[in-house]
Amino acid sequence: MQAENIREHMEVIGSDGGHVGRVDHVQGAEIELAKLDLGGGFKHHLIPLSWVDQIEDDKVRLNLTKDAAKAAWREKH
């Protein structure tokens, strides 16, 4: 997985296909999810690049389910 292949506005989905959010940008070893996304609760969240399983069809698929990712993501303050 190459972090440079992750682009703004790509959908981030869990291993179960559930919507986690949309990419705002990659910041170091983390993906910052867009604030203006219903799935993200209209807040910025950070997820580690280590959660990315693959990039396919303009989607970033995680190696966790949607619920597991949302339970473990970090809210940006």
N, C-alpha and C. Protein backbone atom coordinates (compact mmCIF):
# COMPACT_ATOMS: atom_id res chain seq x y z
N MET A 1 0.85 -1.18 0.00
CA MET A 1 0.00 0.00 0.00
C MET A 1 0.89 1.23 0.00
N GLN A 2 0.65 2.12 -0.93
CA GLN A 2 1.42 3.36 -1.04
C GLN A 2 0.55 4.53 -0.60
N ALA A 3 1.00 5.25 0.43
CA ALA A 3 0.23 6.39 0.95
C ALA A 3 0.00 7.44 -0.12
N GLU A 4 0.92 7.57 -1.07
CA GLU A 4 0.75 8.59 -2.11
C GLU A 4 -0.39 8.26 -3.07
N ASN A 5 -0.91 7.04 -3.02
CA ASN A 5 -2.07 6.67 -3.84
C ASN A 5 -3.38 7.08 -3.20
N ILE A 6 -3.33 7.54 -1.96
CA ILE A 6 -4.54 7.98 -1.26
C ILE A 6 -4.75 9.45 -1.56
N ARG A 7 -5.91 9.76 -2.13
CA ARG A 7 -6.20 11.13 -2.57
C ARG A 7 -7.40 11.70 -1.83
N GLU A 8 -7.46 13.02 -1.83
CA GLU A 8 -8.56 13.74 -1.22
C GLU A 8 -9.89 13.28 -1.82
N HIS A 9 -10.90 13.18 -0.99
CA HIS A 9 -12.28 12.82 -1.34
C HIS A 9 -12.50 11.33 -1.59
N MET A 10 -11.45 10.49 -1.48
CA MET A 10 -11.67 9.05 -1.63
C MET A 10 -12.53 8.57 -0.46
N GLU A 11 -13.42 7.64 -0.73
CA GLU A 11 -14.25 7.08 0.33
C GLU A 11 -13.42 6.08 1.13
N VAL A 12 -13.56 6.10 2.44
CA VAL A 12 -12.91 5.13 3.32
C VAL A 12 -13.99 4.18 3.80
N ILE A 13 -13.76 2.88 3.55
CA ILE A 13 -14.75 1.87 3.94
C ILE A 13 -14.10 0.82 4.84
N GLY A 14 -14.93 0.24 5.69
CA GLY A 14 -14.45 -0.84 6.55
C GLY A 14 -14.34 -2.14 5.78
N SER A 15 -13.78 -3.15 6.43
CA SER A 15 -13.65 -4.47 5.79
C SER A 15 -15.01 -5.08 5.49
N ASP A 16 -16.04 -4.57 6.16
CA ASP A 16 -17.41 -5.04 5.94
C ASP A 16 -18.13 -4.23 4.86
N GLY A 17 -17.42 -3.27 4.24
CA GLY A 17 -18.02 -2.44 3.20
C GLY A 17 -18.74 -1.22 3.73
N GLY A 18 -18.79 -1.05 5.05
CA GLY A 18 -19.48 0.09 5.66
C GLY A 18 -18.70 1.39 5.51
N HIS A 19 -19.42 2.48 5.32
CA HIS A 19 -18.82 3.81 5.13
C HIS A 19 -18.23 4.32 6.45
N VAL A 20 -16.93 4.65 6.41
CA VAL A 20 -16.25 5.19 7.59
C VAL A 20 -16.11 6.71 7.46
N GLY A 21 -15.81 7.18 6.25
CA GLY A 21 -15.64 8.61 6.02
C GLY A 21 -15.05 8.88 4.65
N ARG A 22 -14.56 10.11 4.47
CA ARG A 22 -13.89 10.51 3.23
C ARG A 22 -12.55 11.12 3.59
N VAL A 23 -11.57 10.88 2.75
CA VAL A 23 -10.21 11.39 2.98
C VAL A 23 -10.20 12.91 2.82
N ASP A 24 -9.65 13.59 3.82
CA ASP A 24 -9.34 15.01 3.69
C ASP A 24 -7.91 15.10 3.17
N HIS A 25 -6.97 14.47 3.89
CA HIS A 25 -5.58 14.39 3.42
C HIS A 25 -4.81 13.39 4.28
N VAL A 26 -3.62 13.03 3.79
CA VAL A 26 -2.71 12.17 4.55
C VAL A 26 -1.75 13.08 5.29
N GLN A 27 -1.60 12.83 6.58
CA GLN A 27 -0.76 13.65 7.44
C GLN A 27 0.20 12.71 8.17
N GLY A 28 1.43 12.63 7.71
CA GLY A 28 2.40 11.71 8.33
C GLY A 28 1.96 10.28 8.15
N ALA A 29 1.78 9.56 9.25
CA ALA A 29 1.39 8.15 9.21
C ALA A 29 -0.11 7.97 9.44
N GLU A 30 -0.88 9.06 9.24
CA GLU A 30 -2.32 9.00 9.48
C GLU A 30 -3.10 9.61 8.33
N ILE A 31 -4.33 9.15 8.20
CA ILE A 31 -5.28 9.75 7.26
C ILE A 31 -6.21 10.62 8.08
N GLU A 32 -6.35 11.89 7.68
CA GLU A 32 -7.32 12.75 8.32
C GLU A 32 -8.59 12.67 7.50
N LEU A 33 -9.69 12.34 8.16
CA LEU A 33 -10.97 12.23 7.47
C LEU A 33 -11.64 13.59 7.42
N ALA A 34 -12.37 13.82 6.35
CA ALA A 34 -13.05 15.10 6.14
C ALA A 34 -14.08 15.36 7.23
N LYS A 35 -14.15 16.61 7.63
CA LYS A 35 -15.10 17.03 8.67
C LYS A 35 -16.53 17.01 8.13
N LEU A 36 -16.72 17.44 6.90
CA LEU A 36 -18.06 17.56 6.33
C LEU A 36 -18.52 16.24 5.73
N ASP A 37 -18.66 15.23 6.58
CA ASP A 37 -19.10 13.91 6.14
C ASP A 37 -20.02 13.34 7.22
N LEU A 38 -21.19 12.94 6.82
CA LEU A 38 -22.17 12.41 7.76
C LEU A 38 -21.60 11.22 8.54
N GLY A 39 -20.84 10.35 7.85
CA GLY A 39 -20.27 9.18 8.50
C GLY A 39 -19.29 9.53 9.60
N GLY A 40 -18.66 10.68 9.50
CA GLY A 40 -17.69 11.11 10.50
C GLY A 40 -18.29 12.00 11.57
N GLY A 41 -19.58 12.19 11.55
CA GLY A 41 -20.22 13.00 12.57
C GLY A 41 -19.84 14.46 12.52
N PHE A 42 -19.42 14.93 11.34
CA PHE A 42 -19.06 16.33 11.12
C PHE A 42 -17.91 16.79 12.01
N LYS A 43 -16.97 15.86 12.27
CA LYS A 43 -15.74 16.17 13.02
C LYS A 43 -14.57 15.53 12.29
N HIS A 44 -13.39 16.14 12.43
CA HIS A 44 -12.18 15.52 11.86
C HIS A 44 -11.78 14.33 12.73
N HIS A 45 -11.46 13.22 12.09
CA HIS A 45 -10.95 12.05 12.78
C HIS A 45 -9.67 11.60 12.09
N LEU A 46 -8.79 10.97 12.86
CA LEU A 46 -7.53 10.48 12.34
C LEU A 46 -7.50 8.96 12.47
N ILE A 47 -7.07 8.32 11.39
CA ILE A 47 -6.90 6.87 11.42
C ILE A 47 -5.49 6.55 10.91
N PRO A 48 -4.82 5.56 11.51
CA PRO A 48 -3.46 5.24 11.08
C PRO A 48 -3.44 4.55 9.71
N LEU A 49 -2.39 4.81 8.97
CA LEU A 49 -2.23 4.16 7.66
C LEU A 49 -2.12 2.64 7.81
N SER A 50 -1.72 2.17 8.98
CA SER A 50 -1.58 0.72 9.20
C SER A 50 -2.93 0.01 9.12
N TRP A 51 -4.03 0.75 9.21
CA TRP A 51 -5.36 0.14 9.08
C TRP A 51 -5.75 -0.11 7.63
N VAL A 52 -5.04 0.49 6.68
CA VAL A 52 -5.40 0.37 5.27
C VAL A 52 -5.02 -1.01 4.76
N ASP A 53 -6.01 -1.71 4.22
CA ASP A 53 -5.79 -3.04 3.65
C ASP A 53 -5.47 -2.91 2.16
N GLN A 54 -6.27 -2.12 1.44
CA GLN A 54 -6.03 -1.94 0.01
C GLN A 54 -6.75 -0.70 -0.51
N ILE A 55 -6.33 -0.29 -1.68
CA ILE A 55 -6.97 0.84 -2.36
C ILE A 55 -7.56 0.26 -3.64
N GLU A 56 -8.87 0.44 -3.81
CA GLU A 56 -9.55 -0.15 -4.96
C GLU A 56 -10.68 0.75 -5.43
N ASP A 57 -10.76 1.00 -6.71
CA ASP A 57 -11.87 1.76 -7.29
C ASP A 57 -12.13 3.08 -6.55
N ASP A 58 -11.08 3.86 -6.31
CA ASP A 58 -11.20 5.14 -5.61
C ASP A 58 -11.75 4.99 -4.20
N LYS A 59 -11.54 3.83 -3.59
CA LYS A 59 -11.94 3.60 -2.20
C LYS A 59 -10.74 3.09 -1.42
N VAL A 60 -10.66 3.52 -0.17
CA VAL A 60 -9.64 3.03 0.75
C VAL A 60 -10.33 2.02 1.65
N ARG A 61 -9.94 0.75 1.51
CA ARG A 61 -10.56 -0.32 2.31
C ARG A 61 -9.66 -0.60 3.51
N LEU A 62 -10.28 -0.60 4.70
CA LEU A 62 -9.54 -0.85 5.93
C LEU A 62 -9.54 -2.33 6.28
N ASN A 63 -8.63 -2.70 7.18
CA ASN A 63 -8.59 -4.09 7.65
C ASN A 63 -9.41 -4.27 8.93
N LEU A 64 -10.25 -3.27 9.25
CA LEU A 64 -11.18 -3.32 10.38
C LEU A 64 -12.59 -3.07 9.84
N THR A 65 -13.58 -3.51 10.57
CA THR A 65 -14.95 -3.19 10.19
C THR A 65 -15.22 -1.71 10.44
N LYS A 66 -16.29 -1.22 9.88
CA LYS A 66 -16.69 0.18 10.08
C LYS A 66 -16.80 0.50 11.56
N ASP A 67 -17.51 -0.35 12.31
CA ASP A 67 -17.73 -0.09 13.73
C ASP A 67 -16.43 -0.14 14.53
N ALA A 68 -15.54 -1.08 14.20
CA ALA A 68 -14.26 -1.18 14.91
C ALA A 68 -13.41 0.07 14.64
N ALA A 69 -13.42 0.54 13.39
CA ALA A 69 -12.64 1.74 13.04
C ALA A 69 -13.18 2.96 13.78
N LYS A 70 -14.49 3.10 13.81
CA LYS A 70 -15.09 4.26 14.49
C LYS A 70 -14.89 4.19 16.00
N ALA A 71 -14.80 2.99 16.55
CA ALA A 71 -14.57 2.85 17.99
C ALA A 71 -13.12 3.21 18.36
N ALA A 72 -12.21 3.07 17.40
CA ALA A 72 -10.78 3.25 17.71
C ALA A 72 -10.16 4.50 17.08
N TRP A 73 -10.88 5.22 16.19
CA TRP A 73 -10.27 6.39 15.57
C TRP A 73 -10.03 7.46 16.61
N ARG A 74 -9.20 8.43 16.24
CA ARG A 74 -8.85 9.52 17.15
C ARG A 74 -9.48 10.80 16.64
N GLU A 75 -10.16 11.48 17.52
CA GLU A 75 -10.78 12.76 17.12
C GLU A 75 -9.73 13.85 17.17
N LYS A 76 -9.70 14.66 16.13
CA LYS A 76 -8.77 15.79 16.07
C LYS A 76 -9.38 16.97 16.81
N HIS A 77 -8.60 17.55 17.70
CA HIS A 77 -9.09 18.69 18.49
C HIS A 77 -8.53 19.98 17.98
